[in-house]
Amino acid sequence: MKRGNVYISPKSWEIIMESIINEEIMGENNSNKDKRSNFVKNFYLSGLSKIEEIGKCAAKKAADFITNLTGNPAEIGVLKVMLITPYEIKKGLKDEEKIFTGIDFSGEIEGVGVLIFSEESALKLSKSMLAGMGMDDGNDNVLDDMKISAIKEACNLIISAYVDTLANFMNTSLNMTPPSFVKGPEREIMEKIFKDHNTGDNDIILTFKSKLYSQGIGSGFEVLIIMPPDSLNTLFQKI
């Protein structure tokens, strides 16, 4: 199902409908379905337009950060704002090696923001950032410590744009951890992220999926914000 630029995946819609039937017709409310039932009580379609607005505001902030860092005009387009299950995400993953930088956030809601790069894209962005700061390490094709630090700083700025925008919409404050950096198989890393955030295959999560467009960088990475069901419930209550 699609509403504006927000998509509800087939599995998520099935879970929503199943929960509505169990709650309203059968009166079913056991501990295994509590998170789903709470989400259905708080979920409303018009709230999706507010979620889309959050994504657009955050993307603009993130693009401005990159423009200031690199000196090149940048745009981060929100390609998809989705209600989806980890099961559906994992079906599309490969064992291809990727670079992940991530930041956990916590407060009234919690979750993780992740930037996902190919090594080539990570090199392009980090070199552009270092050049924008008047720095050059001379190792053009090596992802060394200086370039990794630049990538972490990009993660810090971009994810903070999304987290701060969420916090502003909810009229609250959220805490963020320092950015992490890991390189490895995409499928394996994503499975660990879901596990670390207590998110099961059939839980409904919210994702913002975006790409960067900038001269000399191209469409180099994805921005993924993952919130577990309890936090998704709280977000819909607030908006």
C-alpha atoms as a PDB file:
ATOM      1  CA  MET A   1       0.000   0.000   0.000  1.00  0.00           C
ATOM      2  CA  LYS A   2       1.267   3.508  -0.853  1.00  0.00           C
ATOM      3  CA  ARG A   3       0.292   6.859   0.591  1.00  0.00           C
ATOM      4  CA  GLY A   4       2.320   9.745  -0.842  1.00  0.00           C
ATOM      5  CA  ASN A   5       5.962   8.715  -0.543  1.00  0.00           C
ATOM      6  CA  VAL A   6       5.189   6.376   2.355  1.00  0.00           C
ATOM      7  CA  TYR A   7       4.807   2.663   1.724  1.00  0.00           C
ATOM      8  CA  ILE A   8       3.262  -0.057   3.846  1.00  0.00           C
ATOM      9  CA  SER A   9       4.814  -3.356   2.870  1.00  0.00           C
ATOM     10  CA  PRO A  10       2.578  -6.354   2.082  1.00  0.00           C
ATOM     11  CA  LYS A  11       3.662  -8.220   5.221  1.00  0.00           C
ATOM     12  CA  SER A  12       3.144  -5.155   7.437  1.00  0.00           C
ATOM     13  CA  TRP A  13      -0.336  -4.594   6.021  1.00  0.00           C
ATOM     14  CA  GLU A  14      -1.159  -8.254   6.603  1.00  0.00           C
ATOM     15  CA  ILE A  15      -0.038  -7.951  10.231  1.00  0.00           C
ATOM     16  CA  ILE A  16      -2.067  -4.762  10.735  1.00  0.00           C
ATOM     17  CA  MET A  17      -5.197  -6.367   9.315  1.00  0.00           C
ATOM     18  CA  GLU A  18      -4.677  -9.537  11.348  1.00  0.00           C
ATOM     19  CA  SER A  19      -4.292  -7.502  14.536  1.00  0.00           C
ATOM     20  CA  ILE A  20      -7.419  -5.471  13.822  1.00  0.00           C
ATOM     21  CA  ILE A  21      -9.440  -8.661  13.307  1.00  0.00           C
ATOM     22  CA  ASN A  22      -8.047 -10.262  16.471  1.00  0.00           C
ATOM     23  CA  GLU A  23      -8.617  -7.132  18.544  1.00  0.00           C
ATOM     24  CA  GLU A  24     -11.997  -5.984  17.268  1.00  0.00           C
ATOM     25  CA  ILE A  25     -13.739  -9.224  16.317  1.00  0.00           C
ATOM     26  CA  MET A  26     -12.153 -12.019  18.307  1.00  0.00           C
ATOM     27  CA  GLY A  27     -10.996  -9.950  21.281  1.00  0.00           C
ATOM     28  CA  GLU A  28      -7.657 -11.725  21.190  1.00  0.00           C
ATOM     29  CA  ASN A  29      -4.970  -9.996  23.263  1.00  0.00           C
ATOM     30  CA  ASN A  30      -2.233 -12.304  24.474  1.00  0.00           C
ATOM     31  CA  SER A  31       1.318 -11.349  25.419  1.00  0.00           C
ATOM     32  CA  ASN A  32       2.770 -12.406  22.070  1.00  0.00           C
ATOM     33  CA  LYS A  33       0.544  -9.914  20.248  1.00  0.00           C
ATOM     34  CA  ASP A  34       0.745  -6.971  22.648  1.00  0.00           C
ATOM     35  CA  LYS A  35       3.205  -4.982  20.557  1.00  0.00           C
ATOM     36  CA  ARG A  36       1.163  -5.482  17.400  1.00  0.00           C
ATOM     37  CA  SER A  37      -2.119  -4.638  19.144  1.00  0.00           C
ATOM     38  CA  ASN A  38      -0.678  -1.460  20.630  1.00  0.00           C
ATOM     39  CA  PHE A  39       0.621  -0.424  17.249  1.00  0.00           C
ATOM     40  CA  VAL A  40      -2.791  -0.915  15.630  1.00  0.00           C
ATOM     41  CA  LYS A  41      -4.452   1.188  18.346  1.00  0.00           C
ATOM     42  CA  ASN A  42      -2.040   4.046  17.681  1.00  0.00           C
ATOM     43  CA  PHE A  43      -1.722   3.658  13.906  1.00  0.00           C
ATOM     44  CA  TYR A  44      -3.674   5.963  11.607  1.00  0.00           C
ATOM     45  CA  LEU A  45      -3.177   6.619   7.900  1.00  0.00           C
ATOM     46  CA  SER A  46      -3.100  10.409   8.174  1.00  0.00           C
ATOM     47  CA  GLY A  47      -0.098  10.031  10.487  1.00  0.00           C
ATOM     48  CA  LEU A  48       1.882   8.763   7.519  1.00  0.00           C
ATOM     49  CA  SER A  49       1.880  12.233   5.949  1.00  0.00           C
ATOM     50  CA  LYS A  50       3.549  13.551   9.100  1.00  0.00           C
ATOM     51  CA  ILE A  51       6.121  10.778   8.882  1.00  0.00           C
ATOM     52  CA  GLU A  52       6.819  11.828   5.292  1.00  0.00           C
ATOM     53  CA  GLU A  53       7.272  15.437   6.433  1.00  0.00           C
ATOM     54  CA  ILE A  54       9.806  14.287   9.026  1.00  0.00           C
ATOM     55  CA  GLY A  55      11.758  12.503   6.303  1.00  0.00           C
ATOM     56  CA  LYS A  56      11.795  15.525   4.000  1.00  0.00           C
ATOM     57  CA  CYS A  57      12.895  17.939   6.744  1.00  0.00           C
ATOM     58  CA  ALA A  58      15.648  15.590   7.897  1.00  0.00           C
ATOM     59  CA  ALA A  59      16.895  14.989   4.353  1.00  0.00           C
ATOM     60  CA  LYS A  60      17.232  18.727   3.726  1.00  0.00           C
ATOM     61  CA  LYS A  61      19.222  19.192   6.941  1.00  0.00           C
ATOM     62  CA  ALA A  62      21.489  16.278   6.036  1.00  0.00           C
ATOM     63  CA  ALA A  63      22.097  17.641   2.524  1.00  0.00           C
ATOM     64  CA  ASP A  64      23.028  21.034   3.962  1.00  0.00           C
ATOM     65  CA  PHE A  65      25.555  19.385   6.291  1.00  0.00           C
ATOM     66  CA  ILE A  66      27.234  17.579   3.384  1.00  0.00           C
ATOM     67  CA  THR A  67      27.256  20.746   1.257  1.00  0.00           C
ATOM     68  CA  ASN A  68      29.011  22.622   4.058  1.00  0.00           C
ATOM     69  CA  LEU A  69      31.554  19.836   4.559  1.00  0.00           C
ATOM     70  CA  THR A  70      32.472  19.218   0.924  1.00  0.00           C
ATOM     71  CA  GLY A  71      31.784  22.561  -0.714  1.00  0.00           C
ATOM     72  CA  ASN A  72      29.685  20.747  -3.332  1.00  0.00           C
ATOM     73  CA  PRO A  73      25.900  21.182  -3.592  1.00  0.00           C
ATOM     74  CA  ALA A  74      24.260  18.051  -2.216  1.00  0.00           C
ATOM     75  CA  GLU A  75      20.763  16.680  -2.101  1.00  0.00           C
ATOM     76  CA  ILE A  76      19.565  13.689  -0.105  1.00  0.00           C
ATOM     77  CA  GLY A  77      16.339  12.456  -1.588  1.00  0.00           C
ATOM     78  CA  VAL A  78      13.933  10.484   0.591  1.00  0.00           C
ATOM     79  CA  LEU A  79      13.336   7.605  -1.778  1.00  0.00           C
ATOM     80  CA  LYS A  80      11.182   5.547   0.566  1.00  0.00           C
ATOM     81  CA  VAL A  81       9.601   5.926   3.962  1.00  0.00           C
ATOM     82  CA  MET A  82       8.356   2.476   4.831  1.00  0.00           C
ATOM     83  CA  LEU A  83       6.506   0.439   7.398  1.00  0.00           C
ATOM     84  CA  ILE A  84       8.131  -2.918   6.792  1.00  0.00           C
ATOM     85  CA  THR A  85       9.255  -6.090   8.564  1.00  0.00           C
ATOM     86  CA  PRO A  86      12.858  -7.248   9.045  1.00  0.00           C
ATOM     87  CA  TYR A  87      11.857 -10.449   7.233  1.00  0.00           C
ATOM     88  CA  GLU A  88      11.107  -8.462   4.057  1.00  0.00           C
ATOM     89  CA  ILE A  89      14.291  -6.417   4.357  1.00  0.00           C
ATOM     90  CA  LYS A  90      16.454  -9.491   4.818  1.00  0.00           C
ATOM     91  CA  LYS A  91      14.946 -11.186   1.767  1.00  0.00           C
ATOM     92  CA  GLY A  92      16.536  -8.504  -0.411  1.00  0.00           C
ATOM     93  CA  LEU A  93      19.980  -8.587   1.193  1.00  0.00           C
ATOM     94  CA  LYS A  94      23.090 -10.116  -0.334  1.00  0.00           C
ATOM     95  CA  ASP A  95      26.366 -11.379   1.055  1.00  0.00           C
ATOM     96  CA  GLU A  96      28.143  -8.521  -0.704  1.00  0.00           C
ATOM     97  CA  GLU A  97      30.650  -6.688   1.482  1.00  0.00           C
ATOM     98  CA  LYS A  98      29.525  -3.215   2.556  1.00  0.00           C
ATOM     99  CA  ILE A  99      30.619  -0.503   4.957  1.00  0.00           C
ATOM    100  CA  PHE A 100      28.250   0.423   7.775  1.00  0.00           C
ATOM    101  CA  THR A 101      28.432   3.381  10.130  1.00  0.00           C
ATOM    102  CA  GLY A 102      25.757   3.599  12.774  1.00  0.00           C
ATOM    103  CA  ILE A 103      24.478   5.599  15.744  1.00  0.00           C
ATOM    104  CA  ASP A 104      22.056   4.397  18.416  1.00  0.00           C
ATOM    105  CA  PHE A 105      19.547   6.901  19.768  1.00  0.00           C
ATOM    106  CA  SER A 106      17.423   6.687  22.906  1.00  0.00           C
ATOM    107  CA  GLY A 107      14.909   8.588  25.016  1.00  0.00           C
ATOM    108  CA  GLU A 108      11.136   8.497  24.537  1.00  0.00           C
ATOM    109  CA  ILE A 109      11.879   6.499  21.422  1.00  0.00           C
ATOM    110  CA  GLU A 110      14.930   4.469  20.531  1.00  0.00           C
ATOM    111  CA  GLY A 111      16.499   2.924  17.487  1.00  0.00           C
ATOM    112  CA  VAL A 112      19.509   3.076  15.225  1.00  0.00           C
ATOM    113  CA  GLY A 113      20.496   5.214  12.259  1.00  0.00           C
ATOM    114  CA  VAL A 114      22.792   3.596   9.706  1.00  0.00           C
ATOM    115  CA  LEU A 115      24.686   4.753   6.630  1.00  0.00           C
ATOM    116  CA  ILE A 116      25.433   1.922   4.184  1.00  0.00           C
ATOM    117  CA  PHE A 117      28.245   2.339   1.630  1.00  0.00           C
ATOM    118  CA  SER A 118      30.107   0.409  -0.994  1.00  0.00           C
ATOM    119  CA  GLU A 119      33.854   0.865  -0.417  1.00  0.00           C
ATOM    120  CA  GLU A 120      34.079   2.954  -3.588  1.00  0.00           C
ATOM    121  CA  SER A 121      31.346   5.301  -2.369  1.00  0.00           C
ATOM    122  CA  ALA A 122      32.924   5.578   1.079  1.00  0.00           C
ATOM    123  CA  LEU A 123      36.222   6.555  -0.516  1.00  0.00           C
ATOM    124  CA  LYS A 124      34.567   9.193  -2.716  1.00  0.00           C
ATOM    125  CA  LEU A 125      32.681  10.806   0.138  1.00  0.00           C
ATOM    126  CA  SER A 126      35.599  10.779   2.579  1.00  0.00           C
ATOM    127  CA  LYS A 127      38.000  12.232  -0.019  1.00  0.00           C
ATOM    128  CA  SER A 128      35.498  14.963  -0.874  1.00  0.00           C
ATOM    129  CA  MET A 129      35.065  15.821   2.801  1.00  0.00           C
ATOM    130  CA  LEU A 130      38.816  15.931   3.453  1.00  0.00           C
ATOM    131  CA  ALA A 131      39.362  18.102   0.369  1.00  0.00           C
ATOM    132  CA  GLY A 132      36.623  20.447   1.583  1.00  0.00           C
ATOM    133  CA  MET A 133      38.559  20.837   4.843  1.00  0.00           C
ATOM    134  CA  GLY A 134      41.844  21.447   2.981  1.00  0.00           C
ATOM    135  CA  MET A 135      43.242  18.035   3.937  1.00  0.00           C
ATOM    136  CA  ASP A 136      44.783  15.324   1.765  1.00  0.00           C
ATOM    137  CA  ASP A 137      46.287  12.121   3.167  1.00  0.00           C
ATOM    138  CA  GLY A 138      47.792  11.058  -0.187  1.00  0.00           C
ATOM    139  CA  ASN A 139      46.299   7.542  -0.054  1.00  0.00           C
ATOM    140  CA  ASP A 140      43.613   7.987  -2.705  1.00  0.00           C
ATOM    141  CA  ASN A 141      42.452   4.382  -2.887  1.00  0.00           C
ATOM    142  CA  VAL A 142      42.971   3.298   0.708  1.00  0.00           C
ATOM    143  CA  LEU A 143      40.283   3.666   3.366  1.00  0.00           C
ATOM    144  CA  ASP A 144      42.721   4.683   6.106  1.00  0.00           C
ATOM    145  CA  ASP A 145      42.111   6.079   9.583  1.00  0.00           C
ATOM    146  CA  MET A 146      41.704   9.645   8.347  1.00  0.00           C
ATOM    147  CA  LYS A 147      39.044   8.665   5.819  1.00  0.00           C
ATOM    148  CA  ILE A 148      37.261   6.456   8.350  1.00  0.00           C
ATOM    149  CA  SER A 149      37.119   9.433  10.731  1.00  0.00           C
ATOM    150  CA  ALA A 150      35.598  11.524   7.927  1.00  0.00           C
ATOM    151  CA  ILE A 151      32.980   8.836   7.262  1.00  0.00           C
ATOM    152  CA  LYS A 152      32.117   8.701  10.968  1.00  0.00           C
ATOM    153  CA  GLU A 153      31.686  12.471  11.008  1.00  0.00           C
ATOM    154  CA  ALA A 154      29.357  12.244   7.997  1.00  0.00           C
ATOM    155  CA  CYS A 155      27.365   9.614   9.866  1.00  0.00           C
ATOM    156  CA  ASN A 156      27.214  11.797  12.971  1.00  0.00           C
ATOM    157  CA  LEU A 157      25.899  14.803  11.037  1.00  0.00           C
ATOM    158  CA  ILE A 158      23.451  12.966   8.791  1.00  0.00           C
ATOM    159  CA  ILE A 159      21.925  10.714  11.438  1.00  0.00           C
ATOM    160  CA  SER A 160      21.669  13.637  13.859  1.00  0.00           C
ATOM    161  CA  ALA A 161      19.600  15.451  11.216  1.00  0.00           C
ATOM    162  CA  TYR A 162      17.051  12.618  11.310  1.00  0.00           C
ATOM    163  CA  VAL A 163      17.150  12.133  15.082  1.00  0.00           C
ATOM    164  CA  ASP A 164      16.861  15.854  15.828  1.00  0.00           C
ATOM    165  CA  THR A 165      13.935  16.184  13.420  1.00  0.00           C
ATOM    166  CA  LEU A 166      12.135  13.262  15.072  1.00  0.00           C
ATOM    167  CA  ALA A 167      12.774  14.808  18.490  1.00  0.00           C
ATOM    168  CA  ASN A 168      11.479  18.213  17.378  1.00  0.00           C
ATOM    169  CA  PHE A 169       8.266  16.720  15.982  1.00  0.00           C
ATOM    170  CA  MET A 170       7.727  14.885  19.266  1.00  0.00           C
ATOM    171  CA  ASN A 171       8.715  17.876  21.406  1.00  0.00           C
ATOM    172  CA  THR A 172      11.292  15.825  23.266  1.00  0.00           C
ATOM    173  CA  SER A 173      15.050  15.267  23.371  1.00  0.00           C
ATOM    174  CA  LEU A 174      16.976  12.176  22.317  1.00  0.00           C
ATOM    175  CA  ASN A 175      20.474  10.971  23.170  1.00  0.00           C
ATOM    176  CA  MET A 176      22.900   9.620  20.597  1.00  0.00           C
ATOM    177  CA  THR A 177      25.957   7.372  20.875  1.00  0.00           C
ATOM    178  CA  PRO A 178      29.245   8.059  19.043  1.00  0.00           C
ATOM    179  CA  PRO A 179      29.258   6.593  15.512  1.00  0.00           C
ATOM    180  CA  SER A 180      30.449   3.028  14.972  1.00  0.00           C
ATOM    181  CA  PHE A 181      32.195   1.685  11.860  1.00  0.00           C
ATOM    182  CA  VAL A 182      32.157  -1.869  10.548  1.00  0.00           C
ATOM    183  CA  LYS A 183      32.901  -3.566   7.244  1.00  0.00           C
ATOM    184  CA  GLY A 184      31.468  -6.943   6.318  1.00  0.00           C
ATOM    185  CA  PRO A 185      28.721  -8.948   4.575  1.00  0.00           C
ATOM    186  CA  GLU A 186      25.536  -6.874   4.260  1.00  0.00           C
ATOM    187  CA  ARG A 187      23.204  -9.696   5.309  1.00  0.00           C
ATOM    188  CA  GLU A 188      25.243 -10.627   8.388  1.00  0.00           C
ATOM    189  CA  ILE A 189      25.543  -7.055   9.642  1.00  0.00           C
ATOM    190  CA  MET A 190      21.860  -6.254   9.164  1.00  0.00           C
ATOM    191  CA  GLU A 191      20.830  -9.418  10.996  1.00  0.00           C
ATOM    192  CA  LYS A 192      23.036  -8.351  13.917  1.00  0.00           C
ATOM    193  CA  ILE A 193      21.489  -4.847  13.922  1.00  0.00           C
ATOM    194  CA  PHE A 194      17.974  -6.309  14.151  1.00  0.00           C
ATOM    195  CA  LYS A 195      19.030  -8.724  16.886  1.00  0.00           C
ATOM    196  CA  ASP A 196      20.797  -6.016  18.911  1.00  0.00           C
ATOM    197  CA  HIS A 197      17.628  -3.903  18.836  1.00  0.00           C
ATOM    198  CA  ASN A 198      15.270  -6.731  19.834  1.00  0.00           C
ATOM    199  CA  THR A 199      13.456  -6.633  16.504  1.00  0.00           C
ATOM    200  CA  GLY A 200      11.926  -9.899  15.310  1.00  0.00           C
ATOM    201  CA  ASP A 201      11.254 -10.965  11.735  1.00  0.00           C
ATOM    202  CA  ASN A 202       7.533 -10.158  11.943  1.00  0.00           C
ATOM    203  CA  ASP A 203       7.728  -6.917  13.904  1.00  0.00           C
ATOM    204  CA  ILE A 204       6.695  -3.767  12.043  1.00  0.00           C
ATOM    205  CA  ILE A 205       9.467  -1.167  11.902  1.00  0.00           C
ATOM    206  CA  LEU A 206       9.806   2.273  10.364  1.00  0.00           C
ATOM    207  CA  THR A 207      12.572   2.946   7.859  1.00  0.00           C
ATOM    208  CA  PHE A 208      13.707   6.080   6.072  1.00  0.00           C
ATOM    209  CA  LYS A 209      15.694   5.056   3.026  1.00  0.00           C
ATOM    210  CA  SER A 210      17.564   7.807   1.197  1.00  0.00           C
ATOM    211  CA  LYS A 211      20.495   8.373  -1.130  1.00  0.00           C
ATOM    212  CA  LEU A 212      22.980  11.187  -1.528  1.00  0.00           C
ATOM    213  CA  TYR A 213      23.362  13.100  -4.788  1.00  0.00           C
ATOM    214  CA  SER A 214      26.387  15.393  -5.015  1.00  0.00           C
ATOM    215  CA  GLN A 215      28.913  16.469  -7.635  1.00  0.00           C
ATOM    216  CA  GLY A 216      31.899  14.145  -7.508  1.00  0.00           C
ATOM    217  CA  ILE A 217      30.164  11.705  -5.167  1.00  0.00           C
ATOM    218  CA  GLY A 218      27.123  10.420  -7.024  1.00  0.00           C
ATOM    219  CA  SER A 219      24.362   8.432  -5.332  1.00  0.00           C
ATOM    220  CA  GLY A 220      26.754   6.826  -2.953  1.00  0.00           C
ATOM    221  CA  PHE A 221      25.034   5.517   0.161  1.00  0.00           C
ATOM    222  CA  GLU A 222      21.778   4.677   1.855  1.00  0.00           C
ATOM    223  CA  VAL A 223      20.418   6.215   5.036  1.00  0.00           C
ATOM    224  CA  LEU A 224      18.435   3.733   7.094  1.00  0.00           C
ATOM    225  CA  ILE A 225      16.639   4.628  10.334  1.00  0.00           C
ATOM    226  CA  ILE A 226      15.287   1.603  12.207  1.00  0.00           C
ATOM    227  CA  MET A 227      12.883   1.897  15.124  1.00  0.00           C
ATOM    228  CA  PRO A 228      11.522  -1.147  17.003  1.00  0.00           C
ATOM    229  CA  PRO A 229       7.747  -1.602  17.519  1.00  0.00           C
ATOM    230  CA  ASP A 230       7.505  -0.032  20.996  1.00  0.00           C
ATOM    231  CA  SER A 231       9.137   3.159  19.751  1.00  0.00           C
ATOM    232  CA  LEU A 232       6.961   3.137  16.648  1.00  0.00           C
ATOM    233  CA  ASN A 233       3.907   2.994  18.926  1.00  0.00           C
ATOM    234  CA  THR A 234       5.180   6.021  20.850  1.00  0.00           C
ATOM    235  CA  LEU A 235       5.938   7.956  17.656  1.00  0.00           C
ATOM    236  CA  PHE A 236       2.398   7.494  16.340  1.00  0.00           C
ATOM    237  CA  GLN A 237       0.980   8.524  19.715  1.00  0.00           C
ATOM    238  CA  LYS A 238       3.010  11.742  19.632  1.00  0.00           C
ATOM    239  CA  ILE A 239       2.302  12.787  16.051  1.00  0.00           C
END
